[in-house]
Amino acid sequence: MWIKICGITTADAVSAAATAQVDAIGFVFAPSPRQVTPGQAAQLAALAPAGILRIAVAQHPLQMKVDEICRTLKPDYFQTDVEDLRELKIPPHVKVLPVVRFGRKTPSPLPARIVFEGPTSGIGELADWGRAAELARQTQVILAGGLSTENVAEAIHAVRPFGVDVSSGVESERGVKDPAKIAEFVRAARAAAALLTGDA
């Protein structure tokens, strides 16, 4: 089970994500309590072990902003709404992670891997798990939107996603990650995935 902790803003959050051995950390550049500058993101990313993917998370960014983020952070992936990617030029060495939102037109053909979430990011709004499960049978779906330690096992059982992406669900207050919640979320997600594959 591929796991991303999104909305990283502190060294403590990087450390907690690394200790939990997550696959990726996300830095938010869209308006949000978790918004960071490219320079802040680069400093935080430098604290993470080499094996953790650095993901730049934007929404409807201008090309100038994309260029600055990619130049300063040097992310492994650039994540933004699938509609944005028609107009933007992402550097060839940076992979893209398209966001497909419930209620909007699903792209055809589907990208090889997508983030699927609700209409609005970062507010704890659940995505439609039924639609996510349909898409998960067609492509690699990273399920986002409203996930927490309490519901991630249920979500994984219902959707059978490639991965899960959490932000507000592992916070002690808006924008502040809780290391204990990060550890518990990762444990719950991996346990649920092991049940599905029969490894438990």
Protein backbone atom coordinates (compact mmCIF):
# COMPACT_ATOMS: atom_id res chain seq x y z
CA MET A 1 0.00 0.00 0.00
CA TRP A 2 1.54 3.26 -1.22
CA ILE A 3 1.11 6.00 1.42
CA LYS A 4 1.51 9.77 1.13
CA ILE A 5 1.38 12.31 3.95
CA CYS A 6 0.37 15.62 2.40
CA GLY A 7 0.61 19.17 3.68
CA ILE A 8 4.00 18.85 5.38
CA THR A 9 5.02 22.13 7.06
CA THR A 10 7.48 21.22 9.83
CA ALA A 11 10.65 19.23 10.47
CA ASP A 12 8.73 17.17 13.06
CA ALA A 13 6.22 16.12 10.39
CA VAL A 14 9.04 15.08 8.03
CA SER A 15 10.62 13.06 10.84
CA ALA A 16 7.32 11.36 11.72
CA ALA A 17 6.66 10.49 8.07
CA ALA A 18 10.18 9.09 7.69
CA THR A 19 9.90 7.06 10.90
CA ALA A 20 6.62 5.59 9.68
CA GLN A 21 8.34 4.71 6.38
CA VAL A 22 5.79 6.37 4.13
CA ASP A 23 6.31 6.38 0.37
CA ALA A 24 5.82 10.11 -0.25
CA ILE A 25 5.43 13.50 1.37
CA GLY A 26 3.51 16.36 -0.18
CA PHE A 27 4.18 20.09 -0.06
CA VAL A 28 1.17 22.32 -0.71
CA PHE A 29 1.54 25.45 -2.84
CA ALA A 30 -2.17 26.23 -3.17
CA PRO A 31 -3.94 28.57 -0.70
CA SER A 32 -4.28 26.51 2.49
CA PRO A 33 -3.29 26.48 6.19
CA ARG A 34 -0.57 24.09 4.95
CA GLN A 35 0.79 26.34 2.20
CA VAL A 36 4.57 26.65 2.02
CA THR A 37 6.95 28.55 -0.24
CA PRO A 38 9.19 26.67 -2.66
CA GLY A 39 12.16 27.60 -0.47
CA GLN A 40 10.51 26.26 2.70
CA ALA A 41 9.55 23.07 0.88
CA ALA A 42 13.12 22.57 -0.34
CA GLN A 43 14.49 22.96 3.20
CA LEU A 44 11.98 20.44 4.57
CA ALA A 45 12.49 18.01 1.69
CA ALA A 46 16.23 18.00 2.40
CA LEU A 47 15.47 16.49 5.83
CA ALA A 48 13.71 13.42 4.39
CA PRO A 49 15.54 10.17 3.57
CA ALA A 50 16.39 9.64 -0.07
CA GLY A 51 13.79 6.89 -0.54
CA ILE A 52 10.79 9.14 0.15
CA LEU A 53 9.23 10.81 -2.88
CA ARG A 54 8.84 14.60 -2.78
CA ILE A 55 5.55 15.72 -4.31
CA ALA A 56 4.67 19.31 -5.18
CA VAL A 57 0.93 19.84 -4.74
CA ALA A 58 -0.76 22.71 -6.56
CA GLN A 59 -4.15 23.68 -7.91
CA HIS A 60 -4.58 25.81 -11.05
CA PRO A 61 -1.01 27.19 -10.80
CA LEU A 62 0.45 29.69 -13.25
CA GLN A 63 3.33 28.43 -15.40
CA MET A 64 5.68 30.88 -13.67
CA LYS A 65 4.85 29.26 -10.30
CA VAL A 66 5.34 25.76 -11.70
CA ASP A 67 8.77 26.77 -12.99
CA GLU A 68 9.77 28.24 -9.61
CA ILE A 69 8.58 25.18 -7.67
CA CYS A 70 10.36 22.74 -9.98
CA ARG A 71 13.55 24.78 -9.97
CA THR A 72 13.66 25.26 -6.18
CA LEU A 73 12.14 22.07 -4.73
CA LYS A 74 13.19 19.69 -7.54
CA PRO A 75 10.19 17.45 -6.81
CA ASP A 76 9.83 13.86 -7.99
CA TYR A 77 6.19 14.49 -8.90
CA PHE A 78 4.04 17.52 -9.65
CA GLN A 79 0.42 17.02 -8.51
CA THR A 80 -2.40 19.22 -9.80
CA ASP A 81 -5.90 18.89 -11.26
CA VAL A 82 -5.95 16.88 -14.48
CA GLU A 83 -7.47 19.87 -16.34
CA ASP A 84 -4.44 22.02 -15.41
CA LEU A 85 -2.04 19.63 -17.11
CA ARG A 86 -3.44 20.42 -20.56
CA GLU A 87 -1.97 23.93 -20.39
CA LEU A 88 1.09 23.56 -18.16
CA LYS A 89 4.58 22.55 -19.16
CA ILE A 90 6.07 20.28 -16.51
CA PRO A 91 9.84 19.63 -16.84
CA PRO A 92 10.51 16.22 -18.42
CA HIS A 93 12.43 14.94 -15.37
CA VAL A 94 9.39 15.58 -13.10
CA LYS A 95 6.56 13.03 -13.24
CA VAL A 96 2.97 14.22 -13.09
CA LEU A 97 0.27 13.07 -10.68
CA PRO A 98 -3.13 14.15 -12.04
CA VAL A 99 -5.97 14.84 -9.59
CA VAL A 100 -9.38 13.61 -10.69
CA ARG A 101 -12.22 15.05 -8.63
CA PHE A 102 -15.57 13.43 -8.01
CA GLY A 103 -18.33 15.23 -9.88
CA ARG A 104 -16.12 16.34 -12.76
CA LYS A 105 -15.62 14.69 -16.12
CA THR A 106 -13.29 11.71 -15.92
CA PRO A 107 -10.46 11.97 -18.46
CA SER A 108 -10.33 9.48 -21.29
CA PRO A 109 -8.05 7.69 -21.62
CA LEU A 110 -7.35 7.49 -17.90
CA PRO A 111 -3.79 8.32 -16.84
CA ALA A 112 -1.77 5.36 -15.53
CA ARG A 113 -2.01 6.73 -11.97
CA ILE A 114 -4.37 9.32 -10.48
CA VAL A 115 -5.23 10.94 -7.18
CA PHE A 116 -8.99 10.68 -6.68
CA GLU A 117 -10.65 13.02 -4.23
CA GLY A 118 -13.69 15.14 -3.50
CA PRO A 119 -14.51 18.52 -5.06
CA THR A 120 -12.33 20.47 -2.58
CA SER A 121 -8.91 19.56 -1.16
CA GLY A 122 -7.68 19.81 2.42
CA ILE A 123 -11.01 20.18 4.23
CA GLY A 124 -11.57 16.57 5.22
CA GLU A 125 -14.30 15.99 2.64
CA LEU A 126 -14.79 12.32 1.72
CA ALA A 127 -14.46 11.31 -1.89
CA ASP A 128 -17.07 8.97 -3.36
CA TRP A 129 -15.69 5.52 -2.55
CA GLY A 130 -18.04 3.78 -5.01
CA ARG A 131 -16.73 5.81 -7.93
CA ALA A 132 -13.17 5.43 -6.61
CA ALA A 133 -13.58 1.63 -6.60
CA GLU A 134 -14.78 1.71 -10.23
CA LEU A 135 -11.72 3.70 -11.24
CA ALA A 136 -9.41 1.48 -9.16
CA ARG A 137 -10.37 -1.43 -11.41
CA GLN A 138 -9.14 0.57 -14.44
CA THR A 139 -6.03 2.39 -13.23
CA GLN A 140 -3.82 2.99 -10.17
CA VAL A 141 -5.92 5.10 -7.80
CA ILE A 142 -4.45 7.01 -4.87
CA LEU A 143 -7.47 7.69 -2.68
CA ALA A 144 -7.56 11.09 -0.97
CA GLY A 145 -10.18 13.20 0.78
CA GLY A 146 -11.33 12.84 4.37
CA LEU A 147 -9.18 9.84 5.27
CA SER A 148 -8.17 9.36 8.90
CA THR A 149 -6.92 6.70 11.30
CA GLU A 150 -10.57 5.83 12.00
CA ASN A 151 -11.71 5.17 8.42
CA VAL A 152 -8.64 4.26 6.35
CA ALA A 153 -9.07 0.51 6.82
CA GLU A 154 -12.70 0.70 5.70
CA ALA A 155 -11.70 2.87 2.73
CA ILE A 156 -9.01 0.42 1.61
CA HIS A 157 -11.44 -2.50 1.90
CA ALA A 158 -14.12 -0.63 -0.09
CA VAL A 159 -11.95 0.87 -2.83
CA ARG A 160 -8.89 -1.42 -3.07
CA PRO A 161 -6.73 1.52 -4.13
CA PHE A 162 -3.11 1.52 -5.19
CA GLY A 163 -2.44 4.04 -2.43
CA VAL A 164 -3.87 6.45 0.14
CA ASP A 165 -3.18 10.15 0.68
CA VAL A 166 -3.89 11.89 4.00
CA SER A 167 -3.55 15.46 5.23
CA SER A 168 -6.10 16.89 7.69
CA GLY A 169 -6.82 13.40 9.08
CA VAL A 170 -3.41 13.24 10.81
CA GLU A 171 -3.45 16.72 12.35
CA SER A 172 -3.80 17.86 15.96
CA GLU A 173 -5.08 21.23 14.66
CA ARG A 174 -5.53 22.71 11.20
CA GLY A 175 -2.20 22.64 9.42
CA VAL A 176 -0.26 20.97 12.26
CA LYS A 177 0.65 17.30 11.80
CA ASP A 178 0.48 14.95 14.79
CA PRO A 179 3.35 12.40 14.76
CA ALA A 180 1.29 9.85 16.73
CA LYS A 181 -1.59 10.12 14.25
CA ILE A 182 0.81 9.71 11.31
CA ALA A 183 2.19 6.51 12.88
CA GLU A 184 -1.30 5.17 13.62
CA PHE A 185 -2.61 6.01 10.12
CA VAL A 186 0.29 4.19 8.45
CA ARG A 187 -0.11 1.17 10.75
CA ALA A 188 -3.87 0.98 10.04
CA ALA A 189 -3.39 1.36 6.28
CA ARG A 190 -0.70 -1.31 6.07
CA ALA A 191 -2.72 -3.72 8.24
CA ALA A 192 -5.79 -3.25 6.03
CA ALA A 193 -3.75 -3.81 2.88
CA ALA A 194 -2.20 -6.95 4.34
CA LEU A 195 -5.71 -8.35 5.00
CA LEU A 196 -6.63 -7.81 1.35
CA THR A 197 -3.57 -9.63 0.08
CA GLY A 198 -3.74 -12.39 2.66
CA ASP A 199 -0.44 -11.45 4.28
CA ALA A 200 -1.95 -10.76 7.70
